[in-house]
Amino acid sequence: MNYEQAFKKAKRRQIIWILIYCPIVVVIYVLSVEFGAIYHNVYVWLILLVAVLTVFSMRYGIKKIAEGVKCDSCGCNIYNNYLSCKNDGIKLNFCPSCGLKL
């Protein structure tokens, strides 16, 4: 698999992660609002659960997505370097760590 395909796969993984996670948080939040009118403690615990899930998913999702593209030679993560080069309009032709031509 070439690097362009690997970067596209990592981007798809990021979008899928968001599509799976967002409905779960919305359902928990709606349930907390519904039951919060009746039981205040349930509201507090469900909102706390939403906050914890948000932080966990952000950390876990970013870690899983970022480890998607590695250099064949040294194994360093080049996904973030690729994104910053793409934003600057530069083509990433080599690994920043070992200098291997990609």
C-alpha atoms as a PDB file:
ATOM      1  CA  MET A   1       0.000   0.000   0.000  1.00  0.00           C
ATOM      2  CA  ASN A   2       1.449   3.378  -0.882  1.00  0.00           C
ATOM      3  CA  TYR A   3       1.428   6.284   1.530  1.00  0.00           C
ATOM      4  CA  GLU A   4      -1.382   8.219  -0.155  1.00  0.00           C
ATOM      5  CA  GLN A   5      -3.704   5.235   0.306  1.00  0.00           C
ATOM      6  CA  ALA A   6      -2.558   4.852   3.907  1.00  0.00           C
ATOM      7  CA  PHE A   7      -3.328   8.514   4.613  1.00  0.00           C
ATOM      8  CA  LYS A   8      -6.785   8.178   3.048  1.00  0.00           C
ATOM      9  CA  LYS A   9      -7.431   5.068   5.151  1.00  0.00           C
ATOM     10  CA  ALA A  10      -6.422   6.930   8.329  1.00  0.00           C
ATOM     11  CA  LYS A  11      -8.753   9.803   7.392  1.00  0.00           C
ATOM     12  CA  ARG A  12     -11.630   7.351   6.821  1.00  0.00           C
ATOM     13  CA  ARG A  13     -10.931   5.805  10.213  1.00  0.00           C
ATOM     14  CA  GLN A  14     -11.226   9.266  11.777  1.00  0.00           C
ATOM     15  CA  ILE A  15     -14.598   9.917  10.118  1.00  0.00           C
ATOM     16  CA  ILE A  16     -15.935   6.486  11.103  1.00  0.00           C
ATOM     17  CA  TRP A  17     -14.848   7.073  14.707  1.00  0.00           C
ATOM     18  CA  ILE A  18     -16.832  10.329  14.801  1.00  0.00           C
ATOM     19  CA  LEU A  19     -19.910   8.760  13.176  1.00  0.00           C
ATOM     20  CA  ILE A  20     -19.943   5.950  15.743  1.00  0.00           C
ATOM     21  CA  TYR A  21     -19.242   8.076  18.787  1.00  0.00           C
ATOM     22  CA  CYS A  22     -21.507  11.131  18.276  1.00  0.00           C
ATOM     23  CA  PRO A  23     -24.888   9.315  18.313  1.00  0.00           C
ATOM     24  CA  ILE A  24     -23.936   7.534  21.546  1.00  0.00           C
ATOM     25  CA  VAL A  25     -23.184  10.830  23.285  1.00  0.00           C
ATOM     26  CA  VAL A  26     -26.366  12.426  21.943  1.00  0.00           C
ATOM     27  CA  VAL A  27     -28.508   9.533  23.214  1.00  0.00           C
ATOM     28  CA  ILE A  28     -26.905   9.677  26.661  1.00  0.00           C
ATOM     29  CA  TYR A  29     -27.378  13.456  26.789  1.00  0.00           C
ATOM     30  CA  VAL A  30     -31.046  13.222  25.747  1.00  0.00           C
ATOM     31  CA  LEU A  31     -31.652  10.538  28.368  1.00  0.00           C
ATOM     32  CA  SER A  32     -29.989  12.702  30.991  1.00  0.00           C
ATOM     33  CA  VAL A  33     -32.248  15.635  30.135  1.00  0.00           C
ATOM     34  CA  GLU A  34     -35.370  13.436  30.154  1.00  0.00           C
ATOM     35  CA  PHE A  35     -34.590  11.725  33.439  1.00  0.00           C
ATOM     36  CA  GLY A  36     -32.981  14.836  34.885  1.00  0.00           C
ATOM     37  CA  ALA A  37     -36.380  16.464  35.178  1.00  0.00           C
ATOM     38  CA  ILE A  38     -37.447  13.596  37.446  1.00  0.00           C
ATOM     39  CA  TYR A  39     -34.240  12.627  39.229  1.00  0.00           C
ATOM     40  CA  HIS A  40     -31.537  15.245  39.613  1.00  0.00           C
ATOM     41  CA  ASN A  41     -28.884  12.674  40.603  1.00  0.00           C
ATOM     42  CA  VAL A  42     -29.429  10.717  37.383  1.00  0.00           C
ATOM     43  CA  TYR A  43     -28.966  13.940  35.416  1.00  0.00           C
ATOM     44  CA  VAL A  44     -25.689  14.725  37.157  1.00  0.00           C
ATOM     45  CA  TRP A  45     -24.287  11.213  36.686  1.00  0.00           C
ATOM     46  CA  LEU A  46     -25.276  11.007  33.019  1.00  0.00           C
ATOM     47  CA  ILE A  47     -23.759  14.418  32.249  1.00  0.00           C
ATOM     48  CA  LEU A  48     -20.597  13.289  34.034  1.00  0.00           C
ATOM     49  CA  LEU A  49     -20.636  10.109  31.920  1.00  0.00           C
ATOM     50  CA  VAL A  50     -20.900  12.200  28.740  1.00  0.00           C
ATOM     51  CA  ALA A  51     -17.917  14.308  29.825  1.00  0.00           C
ATOM     52  CA  VAL A  52     -15.809  11.248  30.649  1.00  0.00           C
ATOM     53  CA  LEU A  53     -16.759   9.523  27.377  1.00  0.00           C
ATOM     54  CA  THR A  54     -15.881  12.656  25.426  1.00  0.00           C
ATOM     55  CA  VAL A  55     -12.417  12.929  26.952  1.00  0.00           C
ATOM     56  CA  PHE A  56     -11.775   9.195  26.598  1.00  0.00           C
ATOM     57  CA  SER A  57     -12.889   9.061  22.998  1.00  0.00           C
ATOM     58  CA  MET A  58     -10.847  12.096  22.030  1.00  0.00           C
ATOM     59  CA  ARG A  59      -7.691  10.626  23.556  1.00  0.00           C
ATOM     60  CA  TYR A  60      -8.283   7.105  22.270  1.00  0.00           C
ATOM     61  CA  GLY A  61      -9.483   8.211  18.845  1.00  0.00           C
ATOM     62  CA  ILE A  62      -6.587  10.568  18.218  1.00  0.00           C
ATOM     63  CA  LYS A  63      -4.111   7.915  19.346  1.00  0.00           C
ATOM     64  CA  LYS A  64      -5.615   5.228  17.107  1.00  0.00           C
ATOM     65  CA  ILE A  65      -5.888   7.534  14.110  1.00  0.00           C
ATOM     66  CA  ALA A  66      -2.400   8.981  14.443  1.00  0.00           C
ATOM     67  CA  GLU A  67      -0.721   5.595  14.621  1.00  0.00           C
ATOM     68  CA  GLY A  68      -2.177   4.693  11.249  1.00  0.00           C
ATOM     69  CA  VAL A  69       0.732   5.677   8.972  1.00  0.00           C
ATOM     70  CA  LYS A  70       4.306   4.763   9.846  1.00  0.00           C
ATOM     71  CA  CYS A  71       7.596   4.916   7.988  1.00  0.00           C
ATOM     72  CA  ASP A  72       8.682   1.552   6.562  1.00  0.00           C
ATOM     73  CA  SER A  73      12.290   2.067   7.587  1.00  0.00           C
ATOM     74  CA  CYS A  74      12.296   3.525  11.103  1.00  0.00           C
ATOM     75  CA  GLY A  75       8.649   3.033  12.138  1.00  0.00           C
ATOM     76  CA  CYS A  76       8.098   6.656  13.156  1.00  0.00           C
ATOM     77  CA  ASN A  77       4.668   8.233  12.791  1.00  0.00           C
ATOM     78  CA  ILE A  78       4.515  10.395   9.676  1.00  0.00           C
ATOM     79  CA  TYR A  79       0.769  11.069   9.644  1.00  0.00           C
ATOM     80  CA  ASN A  80       0.971  14.380  11.541  1.00  0.00           C
ATOM     81  CA  ASN A  81       3.925  15.535   9.424  1.00  0.00           C
ATOM     82  CA  TYR A  82       1.923  14.709   6.306  1.00  0.00           C
ATOM     83  CA  LEU A  83      -1.013  16.823   7.496  1.00  0.00           C
ATOM     84  CA  SER A  84       1.148  19.827   8.355  1.00  0.00           C
ATOM     85  CA  CYS A  85       2.952  19.606   4.996  1.00  0.00           C
ATOM     86  CA  LYS A  86      -0.363  19.310   3.171  1.00  0.00           C
ATOM     87  CA  ASN A  87      -1.694  22.429   4.945  1.00  0.00           C
ATOM     88  CA  ASP A  88       1.455  24.332   3.937  1.00  0.00           C
ATOM     89  CA  GLY A  89       1.141  23.159   0.330  1.00  0.00           C
ATOM     90  CA  ILE A  90       4.338  21.088   0.477  1.00  0.00           C
ATOM     91  CA  LYS A  91       4.559  17.499  -0.749  1.00  0.00           C
ATOM     92  CA  LEU A  92       6.068  15.174   1.858  1.00  0.00           C
ATOM     93  CA  ASN A  93       8.789  13.326  -0.077  1.00  0.00           C
ATOM     94  CA  PHE A  94      10.851  11.897   2.786  1.00  0.00           C
ATOM     95  CA  CYS A  95      10.589  10.673   6.365  1.00  0.00           C
ATOM     96  CA  PRO A  96      11.489  13.511   8.780  1.00  0.00           C
ATOM     97  CA  SER A  97      13.292  11.099  11.149  1.00  0.00           C
ATOM     98  CA  CYS A  98      15.406   8.846   8.937  1.00  0.00           C
ATOM     99  CA  GLY A  99      15.311  10.670   5.591  1.00  0.00           C
ATOM    100  CA  LEU A 100      13.939   7.691   3.634  1.00  0.00           C
ATOM    101  CA  LYS A 101      12.376   8.740   0.311  1.00  0.00           C
ATOM    102  CA  LEU A 102       8.662   7.960   0.411  1.00  0.00           C
END
